[in-house]
Amino acid sequence: MGRRRKAGKYPYDYTDADDRRFVDSGAGGTLRVLHGPGRGMGVPDGVVCRVEVLAADGSFVDESAAGKFGKEHRLHRTVPGDRITATVTAGFEDDGECACGSAGCVPVLEELTATSVVVLTGDLDDVVRFGVGPAWETVVAIDEGHQWPQDQDSPTACRWGAGVRIRAARPIADAPDVP
């Protein structure tokens, strides 16, 4: 049995057809949980992450977790111009041992939280990434295609990151005034 469609190109896992379907879906944006660094950032490898998305009025929009949604998914019940608050809460599973390797490496085992308020634009070229963890910048570099995941080992208690990529969104400070 053949594939129904052509796979997307790294670092994104969507295709031009997915983008066309998004435009017709009426959703204001998309969300993907990111965690790693390492091969296949869809596999948590010890990184525990939860994401909650709320509308401007505080009502529930969406929630996700590391490993639950390996692909981008639409933020249903949103439209361009909506303001949303996304909260990432993440940590590394404490397996009782921390073998980080170097003397200057301090494990980060507690749960970390980051929150961002964004406005949905409906333009898939607008992208907001934010997250937590000592290796979050590496996770972003892999997601943006500036670093290859094959060059990375699995996450450790000293080297992990978790967060989100929200497409069709801008941080409030960068967004034009939206009624």
N, C-alpha and C. Protein backbone atom coordinates (compact mmCIF):
# COMPACT_ATOMS: atom_id res chain seq x y z
N MET A 1 0.85 -1.18 0.00
CA MET A 1 0.00 0.00 0.00
C MET A 1 0.89 1.23 0.00
N GLY A 2 0.65 2.17 -0.90
CA GLY A 2 1.46 3.38 -1.03
C GLY A 2 1.04 4.46 -0.05
N ARG A 3 1.89 5.47 0.05
CA ARG A 3 1.58 6.62 0.92
C ARG A 3 0.50 7.46 0.27
N ARG A 4 -0.38 8.00 1.09
CA ARG A 4 -1.43 8.86 0.57
C ARG A 4 -0.89 10.20 0.10
N ARG A 5 0.17 10.67 0.73
CA ARG A 5 0.72 11.95 0.36
C ARG A 5 2.22 11.95 0.59
N LYS A 6 2.86 12.91 0.00
CA LYS A 6 4.29 13.05 0.14
C LYS A 6 4.64 13.60 1.52
N ALA A 7 5.65 13.03 2.16
CA ALA A 7 6.04 13.48 3.50
C ALA A 7 6.57 14.90 3.45
N GLY A 8 6.40 15.64 4.56
CA GLY A 8 6.92 16.99 4.66
C GLY A 8 8.43 16.98 4.77
N LYS A 9 9.02 18.14 4.62
CA LYS A 9 10.47 18.26 4.69
C LYS A 9 10.89 18.73 6.07
N TYR A 10 11.99 18.17 6.55
CA TYR A 10 12.53 18.56 7.84
C TYR A 10 12.88 20.04 7.79
N PRO A 11 12.69 20.87 8.82
CA PRO A 11 12.34 20.49 10.17
C PRO A 11 10.85 20.43 10.42
N TYR A 12 10.04 20.82 9.47
CA TYR A 12 8.60 20.81 9.67
C TYR A 12 8.02 19.50 9.18
N ASP A 13 6.90 19.10 9.76
CA ASP A 13 6.30 17.84 9.34
C ASP A 13 4.96 18.10 8.66
N TYR A 14 4.86 19.20 7.94
CA TYR A 14 3.65 19.50 7.19
C TYR A 14 4.02 19.69 5.73
N THR A 15 3.06 19.59 4.88
CA THR A 15 3.28 19.75 3.45
C THR A 15 2.50 20.97 2.95
N ASP A 16 2.73 21.33 1.70
CA ASP A 16 1.97 22.43 1.11
C ASP A 16 0.48 22.14 1.14
N ALA A 17 0.11 20.87 0.95
CA ALA A 17 -1.31 20.49 1.00
C ALA A 17 -1.87 20.71 2.41
N ASP A 18 -1.06 20.41 3.43
CA ASP A 18 -1.50 20.67 4.81
C ASP A 18 -1.75 22.16 5.01
N ASP A 19 -0.87 23.00 4.46
CA ASP A 19 -1.04 24.44 4.58
C ASP A 19 -2.33 24.90 3.90
N ARG A 20 -2.62 24.36 2.72
CA ARG A 20 -3.87 24.74 2.03
C ARG A 20 -5.09 24.31 2.83
N ARG A 21 -5.03 23.11 3.43
CA ARG A 21 -6.15 22.65 4.27
C ARG A 21 -6.30 23.54 5.50
N PHE A 22 -5.18 23.99 6.06
CA PHE A 22 -5.25 24.86 7.23
C PHE A 22 -5.97 26.16 6.89
N VAL A 23 -5.62 26.76 5.78
CA VAL A 23 -6.23 28.03 5.39
C VAL A 23 -7.74 27.89 5.28
N ASP A 24 -8.22 26.76 4.79
CA ASP A 24 -9.66 26.53 4.64
C ASP A 24 -10.33 26.03 5.92
N SER A 25 -9.55 25.73 6.97
CA SER A 25 -10.12 25.12 8.17
C SER A 25 -10.81 26.11 9.09
N GLY A 26 -10.44 27.38 8.99
CA GLY A 26 -11.02 28.38 9.87
C GLY A 26 -10.29 28.52 11.19
N ALA A 27 -9.29 27.67 11.47
CA ALA A 27 -8.53 27.77 12.72
C ALA A 27 -7.59 28.96 12.64
N GLY A 28 -7.31 29.56 13.79
CA GLY A 28 -6.45 30.73 13.84
C GLY A 28 -4.97 30.42 13.82
N GLY A 29 -4.57 29.19 14.20
CA GLY A 29 -3.16 28.83 14.25
C GLY A 29 -2.98 27.35 14.52
N THR A 30 -1.72 26.92 14.60
CA THR A 30 -1.40 25.53 14.89
C THR A 30 -0.40 25.48 16.04
N LEU A 31 -0.30 24.31 16.69
CA LEU A 31 0.60 24.14 17.81
C LEU A 31 1.30 22.79 17.71
N ARG A 32 2.57 22.77 18.07
CA ARG A 32 3.30 21.50 18.19
C ARG A 32 4.18 21.55 19.41
N VAL A 33 4.16 20.49 20.20
CA VAL A 33 5.03 20.37 21.36
C VAL A 33 6.41 19.94 20.84
N LEU A 34 7.46 20.60 21.34
CA LEU A 34 8.84 20.28 20.98
C LEU A 34 9.57 19.84 22.24
N HIS A 35 10.39 18.80 22.14
CA HIS A 35 11.20 18.37 23.26
C HIS A 35 12.41 17.64 22.75
N GLY A 36 13.45 17.64 23.53
CA GLY A 36 14.68 17.00 23.11
C GLY A 36 15.84 17.58 23.90
N PRO A 37 17.01 17.77 23.35
CA PRO A 37 17.36 17.53 21.95
C PRO A 37 17.66 16.06 21.71
N GLY A 38 17.62 15.67 20.47
CA GLY A 38 17.94 14.30 20.12
C GLY A 38 17.29 13.91 18.82
N ARG A 39 17.53 12.69 18.45
CA ARG A 39 16.92 12.17 17.22
C ARG A 39 15.43 12.01 17.44
N GLY A 40 14.65 12.40 16.47
CA GLY A 40 13.22 12.23 16.55
C GLY A 40 12.62 12.97 17.73
N MET A 41 12.52 14.29 17.63
CA MET A 41 12.05 15.09 18.76
C MET A 41 10.60 14.80 19.10
N GLY A 42 9.97 13.88 18.40
CA GLY A 42 8.63 13.46 18.76
C GLY A 42 8.64 12.40 19.87
N VAL A 43 9.82 11.90 20.22
CA VAL A 43 9.96 10.90 21.28
C VAL A 43 10.51 11.61 22.51
N PRO A 44 9.79 11.62 23.64
CA PRO A 44 10.20 12.43 24.78
C PRO A 44 11.52 12.03 25.44
N ASP A 45 11.92 10.74 25.45
CA ASP A 45 13.19 10.30 26.05
C ASP A 45 13.45 10.92 27.42
N GLY A 46 12.50 10.83 28.33
CA GLY A 46 12.69 11.32 29.69
C GLY A 46 12.18 12.73 29.94
N VAL A 47 11.87 13.46 28.89
CA VAL A 47 11.35 14.82 29.05
C VAL A 47 9.84 14.74 29.26
N VAL A 48 9.36 15.32 30.35
CA VAL A 48 7.94 15.34 30.65
C VAL A 48 7.46 16.77 30.40
N CYS A 49 6.43 16.93 29.57
CA CYS A 49 5.99 18.26 29.18
C CYS A 49 4.47 18.31 29.03
N ARG A 50 3.87 19.38 29.55
CA ARG A 50 2.44 19.63 29.38
C ARG A 50 2.27 21.05 28.85
N VAL A 51 1.32 21.22 27.96
CA VAL A 51 1.03 22.54 27.39
C VAL A 51 -0.46 22.78 27.53
N GLU A 52 -0.81 23.96 28.02
CA GLU A 52 -2.21 24.36 28.13
C GLU A 52 -2.38 25.68 27.39
N VAL A 53 -3.44 25.75 26.58
CA VAL A 53 -3.74 26.96 25.82
C VAL A 53 -5.10 27.48 26.26
N LEU A 54 -5.12 28.77 26.63
CA LEU A 54 -6.35 29.42 27.06
C LEU A 54 -6.65 30.62 26.16
N ALA A 55 -7.94 30.90 25.98
CA ALA A 55 -8.37 32.08 25.23
C ALA A 55 -8.18 33.32 26.10
N ALA A 56 -8.34 34.50 25.51
CA ALA A 56 -8.18 35.76 26.25
C ALA A 56 -9.12 35.85 27.44
N ASP A 57 -10.31 35.24 27.33
CA ASP A 57 -11.27 35.29 28.44
C ASP A 57 -11.03 34.20 29.49
N GLY A 58 -9.95 33.42 29.32
CA GLY A 58 -9.62 32.38 30.28
C GLY A 58 -10.24 31.03 29.98
N SER A 59 -11.05 30.93 28.93
CA SER A 59 -11.67 29.65 28.60
C SER A 59 -10.65 28.72 27.93
N PHE A 60 -10.87 27.43 28.11
CA PHE A 60 -9.99 26.38 27.60
C PHE A 60 -10.03 26.34 26.07
N VAL A 61 -8.84 26.27 25.44
CA VAL A 61 -8.74 26.11 23.99
C VAL A 61 -8.17 24.73 23.65
N ASP A 62 -7.07 24.35 24.30
CA ASP A 62 -6.40 23.11 23.93
C ASP A 62 -5.41 22.71 25.02
N GLU A 63 -5.02 21.44 25.02
CA GLU A 63 -3.95 20.97 25.87
C GLU A 63 -3.21 19.86 25.13
N SER A 64 -1.96 19.69 25.48
CA SER A 64 -1.15 18.68 24.84
C SER A 64 -0.06 18.25 25.80
N ALA A 65 0.66 17.20 25.45
CA ALA A 65 1.75 16.71 26.29
C ALA A 65 2.81 16.09 25.41
N ALA A 66 4.01 15.99 25.93
CA ALA A 66 5.12 15.38 25.20
C ALA A 66 4.72 13.97 24.77
N GLY A 67 4.89 13.69 23.49
CA GLY A 67 4.56 12.37 22.99
C GLY A 67 3.11 12.21 22.58
N LYS A 68 2.21 13.09 23.04
CA LYS A 68 0.79 12.94 22.71
C LYS A 68 0.51 13.37 21.27
N PHE A 69 1.03 14.53 20.90
CA PHE A 69 0.85 15.01 19.53
C PHE A 69 2.23 15.13 18.90
N GLY A 70 2.59 14.18 18.05
CA GLY A 70 3.87 14.23 17.38
C GLY A 70 3.87 15.18 16.21
N LYS A 71 2.69 15.61 15.79
CA LYS A 71 2.58 16.51 14.65
C LYS A 71 1.88 17.79 15.08
N GLU A 72 1.97 18.76 14.21
CA GLU A 72 1.24 19.99 14.45
C GLU A 72 -0.25 19.73 14.40
N HIS A 73 -0.98 20.39 15.24
CA HIS A 73 -2.43 20.27 15.17
C HIS A 73 -3.05 21.66 15.26
N ARG A 74 -4.23 21.77 14.68
CA ARG A 74 -4.93 23.05 14.61
C ARG A 74 -5.47 23.45 15.97
N LEU A 75 -5.43 24.76 16.24
CA LEU A 75 -6.06 25.29 17.44
C LEU A 75 -7.51 25.59 17.08
N HIS A 76 -8.35 24.58 17.24
CA HIS A 76 -9.77 24.71 16.90
C HIS A 76 -10.44 25.75 17.78
N ARG A 77 -11.51 26.29 17.30
CA ARG A 77 -12.29 27.34 17.98
C ARG A 77 -11.50 28.63 18.15
N THR A 78 -10.50 28.85 17.27
CA THR A 78 -9.78 30.13 17.24
C THR A 78 -9.84 30.68 15.83
N VAL A 79 -9.70 31.98 15.73
CA VAL A 79 -9.68 32.66 14.43
C VAL A 79 -8.56 33.69 14.45
N PRO A 80 -8.08 34.11 13.27
CA PRO A 80 -7.07 35.18 13.26
C PRO A 80 -7.57 36.39 14.04
N GLY A 81 -6.68 36.96 14.84
CA GLY A 81 -7.03 38.09 15.69
C GLY A 81 -7.25 37.69 17.14
N ASP A 82 -7.47 36.40 17.41
CA ASP A 82 -7.65 35.94 18.79
C ASP A 82 -6.32 36.03 19.54
N ARG A 83 -6.41 36.38 20.81
CA ARG A 83 -5.24 36.35 21.69
C ARG A 83 -5.36 35.11 22.55
N ILE A 84 -4.26 34.38 22.63
CA ILE A 84 -4.24 33.16 23.44
C ILE A 84 -3.05 33.20 24.39
N THR A 85 -3.17 32.46 25.48
CA THR A 85 -2.08 32.30 26.44
C THR A 85 -1.70 30.84 26.43
N ALA A 86 -0.43 30.56 26.14
CA ALA A 86 0.08 29.19 26.15
C ALA A 86 1.06 29.06 27.31
N THR A 87 0.89 27.99 28.09
CA THR A 87 1.76 27.72 29.24
C THR A 87 2.41 26.36 29.06
N VAL A 88 3.74 26.33 29.15
CA VAL A 88 4.52 25.10 29.06
C VAL A 88 5.04 24.79 30.46
N THR A 89 4.77 23.58 30.92
CA THR A 89 5.31 23.10 32.19
C THR A 89 6.07 21.82 31.88
N ALA A 90 7.38 21.80 32.21
CA ALA A 90 8.19 20.66 31.80
C ALA A 90 9.29 20.36 32.82
N GLY A 91 9.80 19.16 32.73
CA GLY A 91 10.90 18.72 33.57
C GLY A 91 11.48 17.44 33.01
N PHE A 92 12.47 16.92 33.70
CA PHE A 92 13.09 15.66 33.30
C PHE A 92 12.75 14.62 34.34
N GLU A 93 12.37 13.42 33.90
CA GLU A 93 12.02 12.35 34.84
C GLU A 93 13.20 12.06 35.73
N ASP A 94 12.98 12.03 37.03
CA ASP A 94 14.04 11.70 37.97
C ASP A 94 14.12 10.19 38.08
N ASP A 95 15.18 9.64 37.49
CA ASP A 95 15.32 8.18 37.53
C ASP A 95 16.16 7.72 38.71
N GLY A 96 16.45 8.65 39.64
CA GLY A 96 17.23 8.28 40.81
C GLY A 96 18.72 8.46 40.62
N GLU A 97 19.16 8.55 39.39
CA GLU A 97 20.57 8.75 39.11
C GLU A 97 20.72 9.88 38.11
N CYS A 98 21.77 10.63 38.29
CA CYS A 98 22.08 11.67 37.31
C CYS A 98 23.51 11.48 36.89
N ALA A 99 23.71 11.01 35.69
CA ALA A 99 25.05 10.79 35.17
C ALA A 99 25.28 11.75 34.01
N CYS A 100 25.41 13.02 34.32
CA CYS A 100 25.52 14.03 33.27
C CYS A 100 26.89 14.07 32.63
N GLY A 101 27.91 13.60 33.32
CA GLY A 101 29.20 13.48 32.66
C GLY A 101 30.26 14.49 33.05
N SER A 102 29.97 15.77 33.07
CA SER A 102 31.02 16.74 33.35
C SER A 102 30.86 17.32 34.75
N ALA A 103 31.97 17.75 35.31
CA ALA A 103 31.97 18.26 36.69
C ALA A 103 31.13 19.53 36.82
N GLY A 104 31.07 20.36 35.79
CA GLY A 104 30.32 21.61 35.85
C GLY A 104 28.85 21.47 35.51
N CYS A 105 28.41 20.26 35.27
CA CYS A 105 27.02 20.04 34.85
C CYS A 105 26.13 19.84 36.07
N VAL A 106 25.11 20.67 36.17
CA VAL A 106 24.18 20.59 37.29
C VAL A 106 22.84 20.10 36.76
N PRO A 107 22.31 18.99 37.29
CA PRO A 107 21.02 18.50 36.79
C PRO A 107 19.88 19.45 37.11
N VAL A 108 18.93 19.54 36.20
CA VAL A 108 17.73 20.36 36.41
C VAL A 108 16.56 19.38 36.48
N LEU A 109 16.23 18.97 37.69
CA LEU A 109 15.20 17.96 37.87
C LEU A 109 13.85 18.55 38.25
N GLU A 110 13.83 19.81 38.71
CA GLU A 110 12.54 20.40 39.09
C GLU A 110 11.76 20.79 37.84
N GLU A 111 10.48 20.98 38.02
CA GLU A 111 9.61 21.37 36.93
C GLU A 111 9.78 22.86 36.66
N LEU A 112 9.89 23.23 35.39
CA LEU A 112 10.03 24.63 34.98
C LEU A 112 8.79 25.03 34.20
N THR A 113 8.44 26.32 34.25
CA THR A 113 7.25 26.81 33.56
C THR A 113 7.56 28.08 32.78
N ALA A 114 6.97 28.21 31.61
CA ALA A 114 7.05 29.43 30.80
C ALA A 114 5.68 29.70 30.22
N THR A 115 5.32 30.98 30.15
CA THR A 115 4.03 31.38 29.59
C THR A 115 4.25 32.47 28.57
N SER A 116 3.48 32.43 27.49
CA SER A 116 3.54 33.47 26.47
C SER A 116 2.13 33.79 26.00
N VAL A 117 1.88 35.09 25.81
CA VAL A 117 0.61 35.55 25.25
C VAL A 117 0.89 35.97 23.82
N VAL A 118 0.14 35.41 22.89
CA VAL A 118 0.34 35.70 21.47
C VAL A 118 -0.99 36.06 20.82
N VAL A 119 -0.89 36.70 19.67
CA VAL A 119 -2.07 36.96 18.86
C VAL A 119 -1.97 36.08 17.62
N LEU A 120 -3.05 35.41 17.27
CA LEU A 120 -3.08 34.55 16.09
C LEU A 120 -3.29 35.42 14.86
N THR A 121 -2.49 35.19 13.83
CA THR A 121 -2.53 36.03 12.64
C THR A 121 -3.18 35.36 11.44
N GLY A 122 -3.22 34.02 11.44
CA GLY A 122 -3.72 33.31 10.27
C GLY A 122 -2.67 33.15 9.19
N ASP A 123 -1.49 33.77 9.36
CA ASP A 123 -0.38 33.69 8.40
C ASP A 123 0.61 32.65 8.90
N LEU A 124 0.71 31.51 8.22
CA LEU A 124 1.55 30.41 8.69
C LEU A 124 3.03 30.72 8.69
N ASP A 125 3.45 31.82 8.08
CA ASP A 125 4.85 32.21 8.13
C ASP A 125 5.22 32.86 9.46
N ASP A 126 4.23 33.31 10.23
CA ASP A 126 4.47 33.88 11.56
C ASP A 126 4.61 32.72 12.54
N VAL A 127 5.77 32.62 13.22
CA VAL A 127 6.03 31.50 14.11
C VAL A 127 6.56 32.01 15.45
N VAL A 128 6.02 31.47 16.54
CA VAL A 128 6.49 31.76 17.89
C VAL A 128 6.95 30.44 18.50
N ARG A 129 8.17 30.44 19.04
CA ARG A 129 8.68 29.28 19.78
C ARG A 129 9.08 29.77 21.16
N PHE A 130 8.69 29.05 22.17
CA PHE A 130 9.17 29.34 23.52
C PHE A 130 9.13 28.06 24.34
N GLY A 131 9.98 28.02 25.37
CA GLY A 131 10.05 26.83 26.18
C GLY A 131 11.00 26.99 27.34
N VAL A 132 11.35 25.87 27.95
CA VAL A 132 12.17 25.84 29.16
C VAL A 132 13.20 24.73 29.05
N GLY A 133 14.16 24.76 29.97
CA GLY A 133 15.16 23.71 30.07
C GLY A 133 16.54 24.19 29.67
N PRO A 134 17.57 23.52 30.19
CA PRO A 134 18.94 23.95 29.92
C PRO A 134 19.36 23.81 28.46
N ALA A 135 18.68 23.00 27.66
CA ALA A 135 19.04 22.84 26.24
C ALA A 135 17.93 23.33 25.31
N TRP A 136 17.07 24.23 25.79
CA TRP A 136 15.97 24.72 24.95
C TRP A 136 16.49 25.35 23.68
N GLU A 137 17.57 26.13 23.74
CA GLU A 137 18.10 26.78 22.54
C GLU A 137 18.53 25.75 21.49
N THR A 138 19.03 24.60 21.92
CA THR A 138 19.40 23.53 20.99
C THR A 138 18.16 22.94 20.34
N VAL A 139 17.09 22.76 21.11
CA VAL A 139 15.83 22.26 20.56
C VAL A 139 15.31 23.22 19.49
N VAL A 140 15.38 24.52 19.77
CA VAL A 140 14.95 25.53 18.78
C VAL A 140 15.81 25.46 17.53
N ALA A 141 17.13 25.34 17.70
CA ALA A 141 18.04 25.26 16.55
C ALA A 141 17.72 24.05 15.68
N ILE A 142 17.40 22.93 16.30
CA ILE A 142 17.02 21.73 15.54
C ILE A 142 15.71 21.97 14.82
N ASP A 143 14.72 22.55 15.50
CA ASP A 143 13.41 22.79 14.89
C ASP A 143 13.52 23.78 13.73
N GLU A 144 14.40 24.76 13.84
CA GLU A 144 14.57 25.74 12.76
C GLU A 144 15.44 25.21 11.63
N GLY A 145 16.07 24.04 11.82
CA GLY A 145 16.90 23.45 10.78
C GLY A 145 18.34 23.93 10.80
N HIS A 146 18.77 24.61 11.87
CA HIS A 146 20.14 25.10 11.97
C HIS A 146 21.09 24.05 12.53
N GLN A 147 20.55 23.01 13.12
CA GLN A 147 21.33 21.92 13.70
C GLN A 147 20.65 20.62 13.34
N TRP A 148 21.42 19.57 13.16
CA TRP A 148 20.84 18.28 12.80
C TRP A 148 20.63 17.44 14.04
N PRO A 149 19.46 16.81 14.17
CA PRO A 149 19.21 15.99 15.36
C PRO A 149 20.13 14.78 15.44
N GLN A 150 20.68 14.32 14.32
CA GLN A 150 21.56 13.16 14.34
C GLN A 150 22.84 13.47 15.12
N ASP A 151 23.18 14.77 15.26
CA ASP A 151 24.38 15.16 15.98
C ASP A 151 24.16 15.18 17.49
N GLN A 152 22.95 14.91 17.93
CA GLN A 152 22.60 15.04 19.35
C GLN A 152 22.40 13.67 19.99
N ASP A 153 22.77 13.59 21.27
CA ASP A 153 22.47 12.41 22.06
C ASP A 153 21.07 12.57 22.63
N SER A 154 20.60 11.56 23.31
CA SER A 154 19.30 11.65 23.99
C SER A 154 19.39 12.67 25.11
N PRO A 155 18.26 13.27 25.49
CA PRO A 155 18.26 14.22 26.58
C PRO A 155 18.73 13.59 27.90
N THR A 156 19.32 14.40 28.76
CA THR A 156 19.73 13.97 30.09
C THR A 156 19.19 14.98 31.09
N ALA A 157 19.35 14.70 32.37
CA ALA A 157 18.87 15.60 33.42
C ALA A 157 19.59 16.95 33.37
N CYS A 158 20.76 17.00 32.73
CA CYS A 158 21.52 18.25 32.59
C CYS A 158 21.30 18.92 31.23
N ARG A 159 20.72 18.19 30.30
CA ARG A 159 20.62 18.69 28.93
C ARG A 159 19.30 18.26 28.33
N TRP A 160 18.26 19.06 28.54
CA TRP A 160 16.94 18.79 27.99
C TRP A 160 16.25 20.12 27.72
N GLY A 161 15.25 20.08 26.88
CA GLY A 161 14.45 21.26 26.61
C GLY A 161 13.06 20.84 26.17
N ALA A 162 12.07 21.68 26.48
CA ALA A 162 10.69 21.40 26.08
C ALA A 162 9.97 22.72 25.88
N GLY A 163 9.09 22.74 24.91
CA GLY A 163 8.33 23.95 24.63
C GLY A 163 7.36 23.74 23.49
N VAL A 164 7.00 24.84 22.83
CA VAL A 164 6.04 24.75 21.74
C VAL A 164 6.47 25.60 20.55
N ARG A 165 5.94 25.21 19.39
CA ARG A 165 5.99 26.03 18.19
C ARG A 165 4.54 26.36 17.86
N ILE A 166 4.21 27.63 17.84
CA ILE A 166 2.87 28.06 17.44
C ILE A 166 3.02 28.77 16.11
N ARG A 167 2.42 28.20 15.08
CA ARG A 167 2.44 28.82 13.75
C ARG A 167 1.21 29.69 13.61
N ALA A 168 1.34 30.73 12.80
CA ALA A 168 0.29 31.73 12.57
C ALA A 168 0.06 32.54 13.84
N ALA A 169 1.18 32.90 14.50
CA ALA A 169 1.09 33.67 15.74
C ALA A 169 2.26 34.64 15.84
N ARG A 170 2.03 35.72 16.55
CA ARG A 170 3.08 36.68 16.87
C ARG A 170 2.99 37.03 18.35
N PRO A 171 4.15 37.29 18.98
CA PRO A 171 4.07 37.78 20.36
C PRO A 171 3.29 39.09 20.40
N ILE A 172 2.61 39.36 21.47
CA ILE A 172 1.76 40.55 21.58
C ILE A 172 2.57 41.82 21.26
N ALA A 173 3.82 41.92 21.75
CA ALA A 173 4.62 43.12 21.53
C ALA A 173 4.89 43.35 20.03
N ASP A 174 4.96 42.26 19.24
CA ASP A 174 5.24 42.37 17.80
C ASP A 174 3.98 42.47 16.95
N ALA A 175 2.84 42.25 17.54
CA ALA A 175 1.60 42.17 16.77
C ALA A 175 1.02 43.56 16.53
N PRO A 176 0.47 43.77 15.35
CA PRO A 176 -0.23 45.02 15.11
C PRO A 176 -1.49 45.08 15.98
N ASP A 177 -1.98 46.27 16.23
CA ASP A 177 -3.20 46.38 17.02
C ASP A 177 -4.33 45.64 16.34
N VAL A 178 -4.94 44.75 17.10
CA VAL A 178 -6.03 43.93 16.58
C VAL A 178 -7.25 44.22 17.44
N PRO A 179 -8.36 44.58 16.84
CA PRO A 179 -9.54 44.91 17.64
C PRO A 179 -10.04 43.73 18.46
